[in-house]
Amino acid sequence: MSMFQPPYPEGLPVGPDWLPDPELRPVLFPYDRSEVALAPWGSARMAAQALEFALGVAPAVEELPSHLRRTVLREVHSELAARRQDFESLLVLESGKPLVDCRTEVERSLVTLEVAAEEAGRLHGETVPLDLSSQGEGLLGFWIRKPIGVVIGIAGFNYPLLLASHKIAPAVAAGCPVVVKPAPQTPLATLWLVHLFRTALRRAGAPEEAVQLVTGDSEVGRTLTTDRRVGAVSFTGSARVGHQIARDAAPTKVVLELGSNSALVVCADADLERAADAVIRGGYYASGQACISVQRVLVVEAVRDRFLELLSARLAQVVVGDPRQESTRVSALIDEPAALRVGAWVREAISGGARLLAGGEVSGGIVAPTAVADVPSGIPLWDEEVFGPVVCIRTVVGDREALEEVNRSRYGLHASVFTSSLATAMAALSRLKVGGVVINDVPGFRADNMPYGGVKDSGVGREGPRFAVEELTVTRMAIIRPSWPEAAS
C-alpha cells in the first residue's frame, strides 16, 4: 500500500472536470526509494487540451470581480492552513527535504496566498497629464492594468508547494487562467493545491478551468510554452532549461527564476560567530537544494583561521539522516544521480587543488555536509550551481576584492555580507550585481511579499505576489477627448 492516499480525484485537473489518465507512475521517497503514491502522467495531447480550455475561459476569468478572486484565494489559504500538517508530511515524502524545511515551505505558501489575496484588490492605474505638450490640451489620460492572458507556470522539485503557490496565486489575483506543470518527481502536493483552488473556484461560481495542471515530460512543457496564444510563461528551475524555454517561447513574455552559486562575504569586522552560524544554516538547509543556499564563502584573510575553526566545530553538529525526524538537517537529494553528480564535482575540485575540510562522502543518495577550501575558478563546484550540501571557502585580501569576486560569476541572485560597517554595507548594496543583498544574514533569506529574482543568468522578472501580478498584467492607456474645442468665430 502506498504511503500517501490522495484526497483529490483520480486523473488530471484539466477542463471543467478531471481527465482520466491511463498511465500512472510511482512517486518515490528519496530517502529509501519506497513508493509514496502513484501519480498521473500527462501527455502533450492533454497539455494541448488544457491550453484550449484555458483560452476558452480567459474572457470570463478576466471579468471576475476583485472580491471574488480575493475570496477564492482566502478560501484556499484557509483550507491549506487546516491541512498544514498533512501537507508537511507529504512534502517530506515526495521531496525528501527535512521536516523542518517542509514546515517552513507550508508556512511561506500560506503567506504567499494571503498576500496574493490582498493584491487582487490593488490592480489600479494612474492618471497621466497629457497636456504636457500642446497637442494634448483638453485630453484626459489614464492607464489601467489588464490580465496578460493564459499563464503557464512550471516549477522545480525542491519547493513544489511554495513554487506552485507563487505561480498560481498571482495569476488568479491578476485575472489570468493558469496551467501549472510540476516537476516529474514531485507532483503530489501541487495536485492537492490545484484541487483546493478548483474547489474554491466552483464554490464561488467561477470556472474551474481557471486553474489546471498537467504532469509529464519535456514534451508537455514544450507544448505549453511554445503556443503563441499564451500570455506569459513563469518558470523556476535551472538556467539551462530556463534559457531554452525563453528561446522557444519567444516572443511570449517569460519570467525566469533560475539558479545561482550564492556568495557570503565575511569581512574582517564581522561577527564571526554569527557568520559561521549563517554558513551552516544557509549552506545545508533543504540538503543544499535551494537556489539561494550558501555556496561560495569569501573570507577576509585576517579572520580566516578563526572563522574556519568556528565553522568546523559547527559542521560536526549538523544532523544527517531520515528527513522525517525533527533533528535532521541534511538527508537524501532528490535522486541518486543528483548525489553522484555532487560527489563527482567535489572530487574534481580536490583533484584541481582544493582542500577537503569535511564531508565529501556519498552514500544512498545522501551527500555528507561538505566544506571545501581553496576551490579554484574554472570548475563546476565554484562556477556552477552545486544544488547540494556543499560550501566552498576562499580567502581574499580585503572587502573590495571580496565584492569583486562575488560579481565574477555568471549568476546574480542573492549575496550576503557580514560586517559591522555601515559604509561596507552600503558599498555592497551599490556594487554587487545581484537581485538581493543581505547584510548580516544568510543569502537564502526570502520574505514572500518582497520582490524576488536575479540578474545575469539567474533570471529575468520578479516574483512576490505584488510584483508577479505586475508581470502578469499589461498597461492599457486611455486617451479621451471629452469634447472638441469650439472653432473660433
Protein backbone atom coordinates (compact mmCIF):
# COMPACT_ATOMS: atom_id res chain seq x y z
CA MET A 1 0.00 0.00 0.00
CA SER A 2 1.28 3.48 -0.86
CA MET A 3 2.34 5.84 1.93
CA PHE A 4 0.00 8.61 0.76
CA GLN A 5 -3.65 8.26 -0.21
CA PRO A 6 -4.58 11.20 -2.48
CA PRO A 7 -7.54 13.25 -1.17
CA TYR A 8 -8.34 14.51 -4.67
CA PRO A 9 -9.96 12.82 -7.70
CA GLU A 10 -8.11 10.43 -10.00
CA GLY A 11 -6.69 11.73 -13.25
CA LEU A 12 -5.57 15.23 -14.12
CA PRO A 13 -7.39 18.52 -13.34
CA VAL A 14 -7.92 19.56 -16.95
CA GLY A 15 -11.07 21.27 -18.15
CA PRO A 16 -14.20 21.52 -16.01
CA ASP A 17 -13.55 18.05 -14.53
CA TRP A 18 -10.62 15.65 -14.08
CA LEU A 19 -9.39 13.86 -17.19
CA PRO A 20 -8.97 10.14 -16.69
CA ASP A 21 -5.37 9.19 -17.29
CA PRO A 22 -4.47 5.64 -18.33
CA GLU A 23 -0.87 5.91 -17.15
CA LEU A 24 0.27 6.06 -13.54
CA ARG A 25 3.86 6.37 -12.38
CA PRO A 26 5.27 5.97 -8.87
CA VAL A 27 6.48 8.91 -6.82
CA LEU A 28 9.41 7.70 -4.71
CA PHE A 29 10.58 8.75 -1.24
CA PRO A 30 14.18 9.90 -1.90
CA TYR A 31 15.43 8.65 1.46
CA ASP A 32 14.73 4.93 0.90
CA ARG A 33 13.19 4.86 -2.61
CA SER A 34 9.91 3.42 -1.31
CA GLU A 35 6.71 4.26 -3.15
CA VAL A 36 4.86 7.30 -1.85
CA ALA A 37 1.93 7.10 -4.26
CA LEU A 38 1.03 6.58 -7.89
CA ALA A 39 0.66 9.84 -9.77
CA PRO A 40 -0.98 10.54 -13.13
CA TRP A 41 1.41 11.03 -16.03
CA GLY A 42 0.20 13.50 -18.63
CA SER A 43 0.90 13.87 -22.32
CA ALA A 44 1.35 16.57 -24.94
CA ARG A 45 -2.21 15.87 -26.06
CA MET A 46 -3.53 16.60 -22.57
CA ALA A 47 -1.39 19.75 -22.41
CA ALA A 48 -2.95 20.94 -25.65
CA GLN A 49 -6.40 20.24 -24.21
CA ALA A 50 -5.61 22.25 -21.09
CA LEU A 51 -4.47 25.17 -23.26
CA GLU A 52 -7.72 25.16 -25.22
CA PHE A 53 -9.77 25.11 -22.03
CA ALA A 54 -7.69 27.95 -20.55
CA LEU A 55 -8.03 30.06 -23.69
CA GLY A 56 -11.76 29.39 -23.75
CA VAL A 57 -12.36 30.71 -20.23
CA ALA A 58 -9.85 33.58 -20.39
CA PRO A 59 -12.50 36.25 -21.15
CA ALA A 60 -14.67 35.07 -18.25
CA VAL A 61 -11.72 34.87 -15.83
CA GLU A 62 -10.64 38.39 -16.83
CA GLU A 63 -14.09 39.66 -15.87
CA LEU A 64 -14.18 38.00 -12.44
CA PRO A 65 -14.64 40.78 -9.87
CA SER A 66 -11.82 41.50 -7.46
CA HIS A 67 -13.84 40.44 -4.44
CA LEU A 68 -14.44 37.01 -5.94
CA ARG A 69 -10.77 36.46 -6.78
CA ARG A 70 -9.85 37.54 -3.27
CA THR A 71 -12.45 35.17 -1.80
CA VAL A 72 -11.04 32.24 -3.75
CA LEU A 73 -7.51 32.96 -2.55
CA ARG A 74 -8.64 33.36 1.04
CA GLU A 75 -10.53 30.08 0.93
CA VAL A 76 -7.51 28.20 -0.41
CA HIS A 77 -5.43 29.79 2.35
CA SER A 78 -7.93 28.61 4.95
CA GLU A 79 -8.09 25.07 3.55
CA LEU A 80 -4.30 24.77 3.35
CA ALA A 81 -3.93 26.07 6.91
CA ALA A 82 -6.41 23.43 8.13
CA ARG A 83 -4.35 20.69 6.48
CA ARG A 84 -0.88 22.05 7.07
CA GLN A 85 0.47 19.02 8.92
CA ASP A 86 -0.73 16.68 6.17
CA PHE A 87 0.97 18.87 3.56
CA GLU A 88 4.17 18.97 5.62
CA SER A 89 4.27 15.18 5.83
CA LEU A 90 3.56 14.81 2.12
CA LEU A 91 6.32 17.25 1.19
CA VAL A 92 8.83 15.28 3.26
CA LEU A 93 7.86 12.12 1.43
CA GLU A 94 7.89 13.36 -2.15
CA SER A 95 10.80 15.82 -1.95
CA GLY A 96 12.93 14.18 0.74
CA LYS A 97 13.52 17.56 2.41
CA PRO A 98 13.91 17.53 6.18
CA LEU A 99 10.70 18.11 8.11
CA VAL A 100 11.90 21.47 9.46
CA ASP A 101 12.26 22.77 5.89
CA CYS A 102 8.88 21.42 4.83
CA ARG A 103 7.23 23.23 7.73
CA THR A 104 8.84 26.42 6.51
CA GLU A 105 7.60 25.71 2.99
CA VAL A 106 3.97 25.36 4.07
CA GLU A 107 4.18 28.48 6.23
CA ARG A 108 5.61 30.50 3.36
CA SER A 109 2.96 29.15 0.99
CA LEU A 110 0.29 30.42 3.38
CA VAL A 111 1.90 33.86 3.41
CA THR A 112 2.01 33.86 -0.39
CA LEU A 113 -1.70 33.07 -0.63
CA GLU A 114 -2.57 35.69 1.97
CA VAL A 115 -0.58 38.43 0.25
CA ALA A 116 -1.90 37.47 -3.19
CA ALA A 117 -5.48 37.78 -1.89
CA GLU A 118 -4.82 41.39 -0.97
CA GLU A 119 -3.19 42.11 -4.34
CA ALA A 120 -6.45 41.16 -6.06
CA GLY A 121 -7.80 44.48 -4.80
CA ARG A 122 -4.81 46.56 -5.84
CA LEU A 123 -4.96 46.36 -9.62
CA HIS A 124 -5.12 50.06 -10.36
CA GLY A 125 -3.51 52.61 -12.62
CA GLU A 126 -2.82 56.36 -12.65
CA THR A 127 -3.79 59.49 -14.45
CA VAL A 128 -1.32 60.97 -16.93
CA PRO A 129 -1.05 64.73 -17.67
CA LEU A 130 -1.35 64.57 -21.45
CA ASP A 131 -1.29 68.36 -21.71
CA LEU A 132 2.45 68.27 -21.05
CA SER A 133 2.59 69.08 -24.76
CA SER A 134 0.27 71.49 -26.52
CA GLN A 135 -1.17 68.69 -28.65
CA GLY A 136 -2.59 67.10 -25.50
CA GLU A 137 -4.58 70.12 -24.31
CA GLY A 138 -8.13 69.13 -23.50
CA LEU A 139 -7.34 65.42 -23.34
CA LEU A 140 -7.91 63.15 -20.33
CA GLY A 141 -5.36 60.37 -19.86
CA PHE A 142 -5.12 57.43 -17.52
CA TRP A 143 -3.88 53.85 -17.60
CA ILE A 144 -5.31 50.64 -16.18
CA ARG A 145 -3.87 47.14 -15.80
CA LYS A 146 -5.39 44.22 -17.69
CA PRO A 147 -4.62 40.49 -17.41
CA ILE A 148 -1.91 39.31 -19.80
CA GLY A 149 -3.87 36.17 -20.72
CA VAL A 150 -3.17 32.49 -20.14
CA VAL A 151 -0.22 31.87 -17.81
CA ILE A 152 1.95 28.76 -17.89
CA GLY A 153 3.63 28.03 -14.56
CA ILE A 154 6.48 25.49 -14.41
CA ALA A 155 8.01 24.69 -11.02
CA GLY A 156 11.08 22.85 -9.73
CA PHE A 157 11.20 19.85 -7.40
CA ASN A 158 12.85 21.45 -4.40
CA TYR A 159 9.91 23.52 -3.09
CA PRO A 160 6.93 22.13 -5.03
CA LEU A 161 4.12 23.63 -2.95
CA LEU A 162 5.71 27.05 -2.49
CA LEU A 163 6.78 27.41 -6.11
CA ALA A 164 3.32 26.38 -7.32
CA SER A 165 1.78 28.93 -4.95
CA HIS A 166 3.96 31.64 -6.50
CA LYS A 167 2.72 30.63 -9.97
CA ILE A 168 -0.98 30.09 -9.29
CA ALA A 169 -1.90 32.71 -6.66
CA PRO A 170 -0.67 35.81 -8.58
CA ALA A 171 -2.30 34.53 -11.77
CA VAL A 172 -5.64 34.18 -10.01
CA ALA A 173 -5.22 37.61 -8.39
CA ALA A 174 -4.47 39.14 -11.80
CA GLY A 175 -7.44 37.50 -13.52
CA CYS A 176 -5.42 35.07 -15.65
CA PRO A 177 -6.16 31.38 -16.25
CA VAL A 178 -3.12 29.32 -15.30
CA VAL A 179 -1.86 25.89 -16.34
CA VAL A 180 0.81 24.58 -14.00
CA LYS A 181 3.33 21.82 -14.66
CA PRO A 182 5.04 20.42 -11.55
CA ALA A 183 8.40 18.67 -11.62
CA PRO A 184 8.00 14.98 -12.52
CA GLN A 185 9.47 13.88 -9.17
CA THR A 186 7.13 15.99 -7.01
CA PRO A 187 3.57 16.32 -8.39
CA LEU A 188 1.51 15.34 -5.34
CA ALA A 189 1.38 18.48 -3.18
CA THR A 190 0.78 20.60 -6.29
CA LEU A 191 -2.10 18.34 -7.40
CA TRP A 192 -3.64 18.79 -3.97
CA LEU A 193 -3.17 22.56 -4.06
CA VAL A 194 -4.78 22.75 -7.51
CA HIS A 195 -7.70 20.70 -6.18
CA LEU A 196 -8.16 23.25 -3.38
CA PHE A 197 -8.16 26.06 -5.94
CA ARG A 198 -10.66 24.37 -8.22
CA THR A 199 -12.95 23.59 -5.29
CA ALA A 200 -12.84 27.22 -4.19
CA LEU A 201 -13.49 28.43 -7.76
CA ARG A 202 -16.51 26.15 -8.08
CA ARG A 203 -17.95 27.34 -4.78
CA ALA A 204 -17.52 30.93 -5.93
CA GLY A 205 -19.31 30.26 -9.21
CA ALA A 206 -16.15 30.70 -11.27
CA PRO A 207 -14.85 28.29 -13.93
CA GLU A 208 -12.64 25.52 -12.57
CA GLU A 209 -10.70 25.70 -15.85
CA ALA A 210 -9.09 28.85 -14.45
CA VAL A 211 -6.58 26.56 -12.68
CA GLN A 212 -5.37 23.38 -14.37
CA LEU A 213 -2.41 21.02 -14.04
CA VAL A 214 -0.64 18.72 -16.45
CA THR A 215 2.19 16.41 -15.43
CA GLY A 216 4.66 14.83 -17.83
CA ASP A 217 7.96 15.15 -19.61
CA SER A 218 9.67 17.93 -21.56
CA GLU A 219 7.29 17.45 -24.50
CA VAL A 220 4.43 18.54 -22.23
CA GLY A 221 6.46 21.61 -21.29
CA ARG A 222 7.18 22.46 -24.91
CA THR A 223 3.52 22.13 -25.83
CA LEU A 224 2.55 24.54 -23.06
CA THR A 225 5.29 27.14 -23.60
CA THR A 226 5.51 27.38 -27.37
CA ASP A 227 1.87 28.16 -28.17
CA ARG A 228 1.78 31.76 -29.41
CA ARG A 229 -1.60 32.33 -27.76
CA VAL A 230 -0.09 32.08 -24.27
CA GLY A 231 0.25 35.40 -22.46
CA ALA A 232 3.20 34.60 -20.18
CA VAL A 233 5.42 31.74 -19.05
CA SER A 234 6.70 31.68 -15.46
CA PHE A 235 9.48 29.15 -14.87
CA THR A 236 11.52 28.21 -11.82
CA GLY A 237 14.41 25.83 -12.38
CA SER A 238 17.86 25.51 -13.86
CA ALA A 239 19.47 28.18 -16.02
CA ARG A 240 19.97 25.72 -18.87
CA VAL A 241 16.29 24.81 -19.08
CA GLY A 242 15.14 28.38 -18.44
CA HIS A 243 17.23 29.76 -21.27
CA GLN A 244 15.87 27.10 -23.63
CA ILE A 245 12.30 27.95 -22.63
CA ALA A 246 12.96 31.64 -23.28
CA ARG A 247 14.32 30.88 -26.75
CA ASP A 248 11.48 28.53 -27.64
CA ALA A 249 8.74 30.76 -26.20
CA ALA A 250 9.84 34.00 -27.87
CA PRO A 251 8.21 36.45 -28.32
CA THR A 252 5.92 35.36 -25.45
CA LYS A 253 6.77 37.08 -22.17
CA VAL A 254 8.82 34.93 -19.79
CA VAL A 255 9.55 35.31 -16.08
CA LEU A 256 12.56 33.21 -15.16
CA GLU A 257 13.66 32.35 -11.63
CA LEU A 258 16.85 30.41 -12.25
CA GLY A 259 19.88 29.15 -10.39
CA SER A 260 22.80 30.72 -8.60
CA ASN A 261 26.00 29.99 -6.70
CA SER A 262 25.22 32.45 -3.93
CA ALA A 263 28.09 34.07 -2.06
CA LEU A 264 28.55 35.02 1.58
CA VAL A 265 31.29 37.51 2.43
CA VAL A 266 32.95 37.52 5.86
CA CYS A 267 34.65 40.87 6.42
CA ALA A 268 37.40 41.50 8.97
CA ASP A 269 34.95 43.38 11.21
CA ALA A 270 32.24 40.68 11.02
CA ASP A 271 30.68 38.92 13.99
CA LEU A 272 32.44 35.63 13.25
CA GLU A 273 30.19 33.51 15.46
CA ARG A 274 27.10 34.69 13.60
CA ALA A 275 28.82 34.40 10.25
CA ALA A 276 29.76 30.77 10.96
CA ASP A 277 26.20 30.07 12.11
CA ALA A 278 24.91 31.60 8.88
CA VAL A 279 27.09 29.41 6.70
CA ILE A 280 25.79 26.30 8.45
CA ARG A 281 22.19 27.48 8.40
CA GLY A 282 22.35 28.82 4.87
CA GLY A 283 24.54 26.16 3.29
CA TYR A 284 22.82 22.98 4.41
CA TYR A 285 19.09 23.74 4.75
CA ALA A 286 16.92 21.68 2.38
CA SER A 287 20.03 19.49 1.99
CA GLY A 288 21.54 22.31 -0.05
CA GLN A 289 18.84 22.03 -2.72
CA ALA A 290 17.94 25.72 -2.76
CA CYS A 291 18.90 28.28 -5.38
CA ILE A 292 19.97 30.82 -2.74
CA SER A 293 21.78 28.46 -0.38
CA VAL A 294 25.32 29.45 0.60
CA GLN A 295 27.78 28.01 -1.92
CA ARG A 296 30.73 30.44 -2.13
CA VAL A 297 32.18 31.84 1.12
CA LEU A 298 34.73 34.65 0.76
CA VAL A 299 36.64 35.24 3.99
CA VAL A 300 38.99 38.17 4.54
CA GLU A 301 42.46 36.83 5.29
CA ALA A 302 42.81 38.48 8.69
CA VAL A 303 39.96 36.39 10.17
CA ARG A 304 40.26 33.23 8.09
CA ASP A 305 41.79 30.90 10.71
CA ARG A 306 39.33 31.84 13.45
CA PHE A 307 36.38 31.58 11.06
CA LEU A 308 37.40 28.11 9.86
CA GLU A 309 37.81 27.00 13.48
CA LEU A 310 34.27 28.13 14.30
CA LEU A 311 32.88 26.61 11.12
CA SER A 312 34.48 23.22 11.69
CA ALA A 313 33.04 22.96 15.19
CA ARG A 314 29.54 23.68 13.87
CA LEU A 315 29.82 21.30 10.92
CA ALA A 316 30.21 18.36 13.25
CA GLN A 317 26.81 19.17 14.76
CA VAL A 318 24.79 19.01 11.53
CA VAL A 319 22.45 16.02 11.86
CA VAL A 320 22.22 13.74 8.81
CA GLY A 321 19.54 11.10 8.39
CA ASP A 322 15.84 10.38 7.96
CA PRO A 323 14.07 13.60 6.87
CA ARG A 324 11.01 12.69 8.92
CA GLN A 325 12.95 13.21 12.15
CA GLU A 326 12.76 16.55 13.95
CA SER A 327 16.53 16.90 14.31
CA THR A 328 17.54 16.07 10.72
CA ARG A 329 19.07 18.90 8.70
CA VAL A 330 20.60 17.02 5.74
CA SER A 331 19.08 13.99 4.02
CA ALA A 332 18.99 12.36 0.61
CA LEU A 333 19.00 14.50 -2.51
CA ILE A 334 16.07 14.20 -4.91
CA ASP A 335 17.59 11.11 -6.54
CA GLU A 336 20.83 9.15 -6.61
CA PRO A 337 22.13 10.64 -9.89
CA ALA A 338 21.97 14.09 -8.27
CA ALA A 339 24.03 12.87 -5.31
CA LEU A 340 26.57 11.17 -7.56
CA ARG A 341 26.98 14.36 -9.60
CA VAL A 342 27.67 16.42 -6.46
CA GLY A 343 30.19 13.86 -5.28
CA ALA A 344 31.94 13.92 -8.65
CA TRP A 345 32.15 17.72 -8.56
CA VAL A 346 33.76 17.58 -5.10
CA ARG A 347 36.34 15.02 -6.25
CA GLU A 348 37.12 17.13 -9.32
CA ALA A 349 37.73 20.18 -7.12
CA ILE A 350 40.09 18.25 -4.86
CA SER A 351 41.97 16.95 -7.89
CA GLY A 352 42.29 20.56 -9.00
CA GLY A 353 43.97 21.67 -5.77
CA ALA A 354 41.11 22.29 -3.32
CA ARG A 355 41.32 21.04 0.29
CA LEU A 356 38.53 18.92 1.76
CA LEU A 357 37.71 20.23 5.23
CA ALA A 358 34.76 17.97 5.97
CA GLY A 359 32.38 15.54 4.30
CA GLY A 360 32.64 14.55 0.67
CA GLU A 361 31.15 11.08 1.17
CA VAL A 362 28.14 9.94 -0.86
CA SER A 363 26.03 7.02 0.31
CA GLY A 364 22.48 6.00 -0.54
CA GLY A 365 21.71 9.31 -2.20
CA ILE A 366 22.97 11.31 0.79
CA VAL A 367 25.88 13.71 0.41
CA ALA A 368 27.53 14.32 3.77
CA PRO A 369 27.68 18.02 4.77
CA THR A 370 30.77 19.11 2.88
CA ALA A 371 33.15 22.04 3.17
CA VAL A 372 35.98 22.58 0.69
CA ALA A 373 38.66 25.26 0.96
CA ASP A 374 40.73 27.00 -1.71
CA VAL A 375 38.48 25.94 -4.58
CA PRO A 376 39.89 27.25 -7.87
CA SER A 377 37.85 29.01 -10.51
CA GLY A 378 37.07 27.26 -13.75
CA ILE A 379 35.50 24.14 -12.23
CA PRO A 380 31.79 23.42 -11.61
CA LEU A 381 31.99 23.36 -7.80
CA TRP A 382 32.85 27.07 -7.79
CA ASP A 383 31.46 28.33 -11.08
CA GLU A 384 28.13 26.48 -11.31
CA GLU A 385 25.19 25.77 -9.02
CA VAL A 386 26.04 22.70 -6.97
CA PHE A 387 22.49 22.18 -5.56
CA GLY A 388 23.71 20.03 -2.72
CA PRO A 389 25.09 20.36 0.83
CA VAL A 390 28.48 21.75 -0.20
CA VAL A 391 30.12 25.01 0.87
CA CYS A 392 33.28 26.34 -0.82
CA ILE A 393 35.61 28.71 1.09
CA ARG A 394 38.13 31.05 -0.46
CA THR A 395 40.41 33.62 1.20
CA VAL A 396 40.52 37.22 -0.04
CA VAL A 397 42.76 40.14 0.95
CA GLY A 398 40.02 42.62 1.78
CA ASP A 399 36.41 43.71 1.34
CA ARG A 400 36.85 45.23 -2.13
CA GLU A 401 38.37 42.03 -3.51
CA ALA A 402 35.55 40.04 -1.91
CA LEU A 403 32.85 42.12 -3.64
CA GLU A 404 34.68 41.84 -6.94
CA GLU A 405 34.83 38.06 -6.56
CA VAL A 406 31.11 37.87 -5.81
CA ASN A 407 30.46 39.60 -9.14
CA ARG A 408 32.88 37.32 -11.00
CA SER A 409 30.09 34.87 -11.73
CA ARG A 410 27.55 34.37 -14.48
CA TYR A 411 24.88 34.24 -11.77
CA GLY A 412 23.38 37.02 -9.71
CA LEU A 413 20.50 36.04 -7.43
CA HIS A 414 21.32 36.83 -3.78
CA ALA A 415 24.52 37.57 -1.87
CA SER A 416 25.18 38.39 1.74
CA VAL A 417 27.88 40.37 3.56
CA PHE A 418 28.77 40.09 7.24
CA THR A 419 30.17 43.36 8.50
CA SER A 420 29.75 45.88 11.33
CA SER A 421 30.46 48.80 8.98
CA LEU A 422 27.58 50.77 7.50
CA ALA A 423 29.94 52.02 4.79
CA THR A 424 30.79 48.44 3.76
CA ALA A 425 27.13 47.50 3.79
CA MET A 426 26.23 50.42 1.52
CA ALA A 427 29.16 49.64 -0.78
CA ALA A 428 27.86 46.09 -1.12
CA LEU A 429 24.37 47.34 -1.92
CA SER A 430 25.81 49.65 -4.56
CA ARG A 431 28.36 47.34 -6.19
CA LEU A 432 27.01 43.80 -6.05
CA LYS A 433 25.37 42.69 -9.30
CA VAL A 434 22.63 40.59 -7.76
CA GLY A 435 18.89 40.71 -7.26
CA GLY A 436 19.14 40.89 -3.47
CA VAL A 437 21.81 41.99 -1.00
CA VAL A 438 21.54 40.68 2.57
CA ILE A 439 23.57 42.24 5.36
CA ASN A 440 24.41 40.07 8.38
CA ASP A 441 22.12 37.18 7.47
CA VAL A 442 22.01 34.30 5.01
CA PRO A 443 21.64 34.93 1.29
CA GLY A 444 18.79 32.43 1.48
CA PHE A 445 16.55 34.91 3.27
CA ARG A 446 13.34 35.49 1.34
CA ALA A 447 10.11 37.07 2.53
CA ASP A 448 7.36 36.10 0.12
CA ASN A 449 5.96 39.62 -0.15
CA MET A 450 9.25 41.13 -1.35
CA PRO A 451 10.46 41.38 -4.96
CA TYR A 452 12.49 38.25 -5.63
CA GLY A 453 14.58 37.48 -8.68
CA GLY A 454 18.01 37.74 -10.20
CA VAL A 455 20.16 39.30 -12.87
CA LYS A 456 22.53 37.82 -15.45
CA ASP A 457 21.99 34.06 -15.79
CA SER A 458 19.88 33.97 -12.62
CA GLY A 459 16.80 35.11 -14.47
CA VAL A 460 14.54 37.93 -15.52
CA GLY A 461 11.45 39.38 -13.86
CA ARG A 462 10.39 39.34 -10.22
CA GLU A 463 8.20 37.17 -8.03
CA GLY A 464 6.37 38.01 -4.82
CA PRO A 465 2.61 38.48 -5.39
CA ARG A 466 2.64 42.25 -5.91
CA PHE A 467 5.48 42.05 -8.40
CA ALA A 468 4.27 38.86 -10.07
CA VAL A 469 0.86 40.45 -10.63
CA GLU A 470 2.63 43.33 -12.37
CA GLU A 471 4.46 40.79 -14.56
CA LEU A 472 1.16 39.07 -15.41
CA THR A 473 -0.73 42.23 -16.35
CA VAL A 474 -0.24 44.80 -19.09
CA THR A 475 -0.90 48.52 -19.03
CA ARG A 476 -3.71 49.81 -21.21
CA MET A 477 -3.65 53.52 -21.86
CA ALA A 478 -6.84 55.51 -22.16
CA ILE A 479 -6.73 58.81 -24.10
CA ILE A 480 -10.05 60.62 -24.06
CA ARG A 481 -11.10 63.91 -25.65
CA PRO A 482 -14.29 64.81 -23.78
CA SER A 483 -15.25 67.39 -26.37
CA TRP A 484 -13.77 69.27 -29.31
CA PRO A 485 -12.88 72.89 -28.64
CA GLU A 486 -15.29 75.23 -30.33
CA ALA A 487 -14.00 76.75 -33.54
CA ALA A 488 -13.09 80.40 -33.26
CA SER A 489 -15.90 82.58 -34.68
